[in-house]
Amino acid sequence: MLVESVVFNPIDGVSQASQAKLEAVLNASAGAGFPIRVALIASAKDLGTVTPLWNQPGKYARYLDTELALLYRGQVLVVMPNGFGLHGPARGPRAVSTAEAAVRAPAPGPGEQLATSALAAVPLLAAAAGHPIPTSALAAATHSATLGEKAVPGAGLSPSAVVALVAGALLIALAWWASLRARPLELRRRLEP
């Protein structure tokens, strides 16, 4: 869901490594002044109730931009097996045509190939719009995403899962503390005549 995340992954999924790299590049793009969110649409079932927009990435990008308008003011990139769609407030016809001419069409297939296409497209779109992502920022983003994937097991936990884990740990600690406090009272009661 693009309201909460910078990437919408297809139902069939994308590897955690590809997702981390794409999120890192999108964050680097936002840092360069070109905020963009990406919807990877591998099949009609990824569109939910708007399946008539299948194979129409431009129209679906416009639809998503309208849906997000109250909560997000940036570019929306849709990647479908038949092409790209870009919509947003800073979009200019020259920027889109220049970048699309430089980007190879997405390879038909699973979400993984669409994610690879998006990784290639985002820096070109940002540069064409006048907000190039510094090469060092791109390298750092993809490198840190790769390291983070290897170094942090369970890094894909949702914020609600983390809150649930922390709350559970606090309840266990509180119960343990209460049991320690109750033991001396029980011992005193046994010793009283």
Protein backbone atom coordinates (compact mmCIF):
# COMPACT_ATOMS: atom_id res chain seq x y z
CA MET A 1 0.00 0.00 0.00
CA LEU A 2 1.62 3.22 -1.17
CA VAL A 3 0.11 5.32 1.61
CA GLU A 4 2.32 3.61 4.20
CA SER A 5 5.28 2.50 2.10
CA VAL A 6 7.39 3.74 -0.80
CA VAL A 7 6.93 0.44 -2.69
CA PHE A 8 3.90 -1.68 -3.50
CA ASN A 9 4.99 -5.24 -4.17
CA PRO A 10 3.00 -7.65 -6.31
CA ILE A 11 1.03 -10.46 -4.69
CA ASP A 12 3.58 -12.99 -5.93
CA GLY A 13 6.22 -10.98 -4.11
CA VAL A 14 9.73 -9.66 -4.51
CA SER A 15 12.83 -10.85 -2.67
CA GLN A 16 13.75 -8.98 0.49
CA ALA A 17 17.09 -8.03 -1.06
CA SER A 18 15.44 -6.42 -4.10
CA GLN A 19 12.86 -4.69 -1.94
CA ALA A 20 15.57 -3.29 0.37
CA LYS A 21 17.60 -2.01 -2.59
CA LEU A 22 14.57 -0.39 -4.21
CA GLU A 23 13.52 1.27 -0.94
CA ALA A 24 17.07 2.56 -0.43
CA VAL A 25 17.18 4.03 -3.95
CA LEU A 26 13.74 5.64 -3.44
CA ASN A 27 14.95 7.19 -0.18
CA ALA A 28 18.08 8.48 -1.95
CA SER A 29 15.86 9.92 -4.69
CA ALA A 30 13.72 11.72 -2.10
CA GLY A 31 16.93 13.06 -0.55
CA ALA A 32 17.90 14.46 -3.94
CA GLY A 33 14.56 16.32 -4.14
CA PHE A 34 12.63 13.83 -6.26
CA PRO A 35 10.23 11.91 -3.98
CA ILE A 36 8.79 8.92 -5.80
CA ARG A 37 6.77 5.87 -4.89
CA VAL A 38 6.70 2.71 -6.99
CA ALA A 39 3.92 0.22 -7.66
CA LEU A 40 5.15 -3.08 -9.07
CA ILE A 41 2.18 -4.65 -10.88
CA ALA A 42 2.98 -8.14 -12.17
CA SER A 43 -0.57 -9.27 -12.93
CA ALA A 44 -4.16 -8.02 -13.04
CA LYS A 45 -4.80 -9.42 -9.55
CA ASP A 46 -2.36 -6.82 -8.13
CA LEU A 47 -4.80 -4.07 -9.17
CA GLY A 48 -7.55 -5.05 -6.75
CA THR A 49 -10.84 -3.52 -7.88
CA VAL A 50 -9.42 -1.62 -10.85
CA THR A 51 -8.49 -4.60 -13.04
CA PRO A 52 -9.66 -2.76 -16.18
CA LEU A 53 -6.45 -0.70 -15.86
CA TRP A 54 -4.31 -3.82 -16.43
CA ASN A 55 -1.65 -3.14 -19.11
CA GLN A 56 -2.34 0.61 -18.82
CA PRO A 57 0.50 1.80 -16.57
CA GLY A 58 -0.01 5.50 -17.41
CA LYS A 59 -3.69 5.47 -16.50
CA TYR A 60 -3.03 3.44 -13.35
CA ALA A 61 -0.29 5.90 -12.30
CA ARG A 62 -2.77 8.76 -12.72
CA TYR A 63 -5.35 6.78 -10.69
CA LEU A 64 -2.85 6.15 -7.85
CA ASP A 65 -1.73 9.79 -7.86
CA THR A 66 -5.35 10.86 -7.41
CA GLU A 67 -5.86 8.30 -4.62
CA LEU A 68 -2.74 9.48 -2.76
CA ALA A 69 -3.19 13.23 -3.36
CA LEU A 70 -4.32 14.08 0.18
CA LEU A 71 -1.45 12.20 1.85
CA TYR A 72 1.44 12.31 -0.60
CA ARG A 73 2.81 14.96 -2.96
CA GLY A 74 5.40 13.32 -5.16
CA GLN A 75 5.81 11.14 -8.21
CA VAL A 76 4.10 7.79 -8.63
CA LEU A 77 5.79 5.25 -10.88
CA VAL A 78 3.88 2.18 -12.04
CA VAL A 79 5.87 -0.69 -13.48
CA MET A 80 3.89 -3.29 -15.43
CA PRO A 81 5.22 -5.97 -17.78
CA ASN A 82 4.22 -3.83 -20.78
CA GLY A 83 5.78 -0.54 -19.63
CA PHE A 84 6.01 2.34 -17.19
CA GLY A 85 3.54 4.96 -16.08
CA LEU A 86 4.59 8.12 -14.24
CA HIS A 87 2.37 10.74 -12.70
CA GLY A 88 2.82 13.47 -10.14
CA PRO A 89 3.08 17.20 -9.52
CA ALA A 90 6.64 17.76 -10.75
CA ARG A 91 6.23 15.75 -13.93
CA GLY A 92 7.12 17.44 -17.16
CA PRO A 93 6.60 15.93 -20.62
CA ARG A 94 10.28 16.38 -21.51
CA ALA A 95 11.45 14.69 -18.32
CA VAL A 96 9.25 11.66 -18.84
CA SER A 97 10.01 11.16 -22.52
CA THR A 98 13.77 11.61 -22.01
CA ALA A 99 13.89 9.11 -19.15
CA GLU A 100 11.56 6.59 -20.78
CA ALA A 101 13.67 6.65 -23.92
CA ALA A 102 16.73 5.76 -21.85
CA VAL A 103 15.06 3.01 -19.78
CA ARG A 104 14.57 -0.43 -21.23
CA ALA A 105 11.04 -1.74 -21.10
CA PRO A 106 10.36 -3.95 -18.09
CA ALA A 107 10.88 -7.62 -18.72
CA PRO A 108 7.60 -9.53 -18.66
CA GLY A 109 7.56 -11.87 -15.72
CA PRO A 110 7.47 -11.92 -11.96
CA GLY A 111 7.85 -9.00 -9.61
CA GLU A 112 11.58 -9.55 -9.32
CA GLN A 113 12.11 -8.43 -12.93
CA LEU A 114 9.81 -5.45 -12.41
CA ALA A 115 11.83 -4.43 -9.34
CA THR A 116 15.03 -4.57 -11.40
CA SER A 117 13.40 -2.36 -14.05
CA ALA A 118 12.31 0.13 -11.37
CA LEU A 119 15.85 0.21 -9.94
CA ALA A 120 17.13 1.25 -13.37
CA ALA A 121 14.31 3.72 -14.06
CA VAL A 122 14.25 5.78 -10.84
CA PRO A 123 17.72 7.38 -11.17
CA LEU A 124 17.04 8.21 -14.84
CA LEU A 125 13.66 9.76 -14.04
CA ALA A 126 15.15 11.80 -11.18
CA ALA A 127 17.98 13.06 -13.40
CA ALA A 128 15.58 13.91 -16.25
CA ALA A 129 13.45 15.93 -13.81
CA GLY A 130 16.50 17.95 -12.75
CA HIS A 131 17.16 16.10 -9.46
CA PRO A 132 20.00 13.68 -10.17
CA ILE A 133 20.76 11.23 -7.41
CA PRO A 134 24.47 11.47 -6.65
CA THR A 135 26.32 8.32 -7.66
CA SER A 136 27.78 8.07 -4.17
CA ALA A 137 24.27 8.15 -2.66
CA LEU A 138 23.10 5.42 -5.05
CA ALA A 139 26.11 3.26 -4.24
CA ALA A 140 25.69 3.82 -0.50
CA ALA A 141 21.97 3.09 -0.68
CA THR A 142 22.30 -0.20 -2.49
CA HIS A 143 25.37 -1.20 -0.45
CA SER A 144 23.70 -0.48 2.92
CA ALA A 145 20.55 -2.28 1.78
CA THR A 146 22.63 -5.32 0.88
CA LEU A 147 24.53 -5.21 4.20
CA GLY A 148 21.33 -4.68 6.16
CA GLU A 149 19.76 -7.70 4.51
CA LYS A 150 22.69 -9.90 5.53
CA ALA A 151 23.33 -8.46 8.97
CA VAL A 152 19.88 -8.05 10.45
CA PRO A 153 17.83 -11.23 10.61
CA GLY A 154 14.14 -10.44 10.91
CA ALA A 155 14.62 -6.89 9.57
CA GLY A 156 11.40 -7.34 7.62
CA LEU A 157 9.26 -7.17 10.78
CA SER A 158 6.41 -4.74 10.54
CA PRO A 159 6.20 -1.92 13.11
CA SER A 160 3.11 -3.55 14.68
CA ALA A 161 5.04 -6.83 15.12
CA VAL A 162 7.88 -4.97 16.85
CA VAL A 163 5.39 -3.22 19.16
CA ALA A 164 3.77 -6.58 19.99
CA LEU A 165 7.17 -8.13 20.79
CA VAL A 166 8.18 -5.22 23.02
CA ALA A 167 4.81 -5.21 24.80
CA GLY A 168 5.06 -8.98 25.39
CA ALA A 169 8.58 -8.63 26.80
CA LEU A 170 7.41 -5.85 29.14
CA LEU A 171 4.48 -7.95 30.40
CA ILE A 172 6.79 -10.88 31.11
CA ALA A 173 9.23 -8.61 32.98
CA LEU A 174 6.37 -7.06 34.98
CA ALA A 175 5.00 -10.49 35.94
CA TRP A 176 8.47 -11.64 37.01
CA TRP A 177 8.96 -8.50 39.13
CA ALA A 178 5.54 -8.95 40.75
CA SER A 179 6.35 -12.58 41.61
CA LEU A 180 9.59 -11.50 43.29
CA ARG A 181 7.75 -8.85 45.31
CA ALA A 182 5.07 -11.34 46.41
CA ARG A 183 7.49 -14.00 47.73
CA PRO A 184 8.70 -12.08 50.81
CA LEU A 185 5.06 -11.45 51.86
CA GLU A 186 4.26 -15.15 51.63
CA LEU A 187 7.37 -15.99 53.70
CA ARG A 188 6.38 -13.43 56.40
CA ARG A 189 2.90 -14.89 56.65
CA ARG A 190 4.34 -18.36 57.28
CA LEU A 191 6.62 -17.10 60.07
CA GLU A 192 3.89 -15.18 61.95
CA PRO A 193 2.25 -17.09 64.88
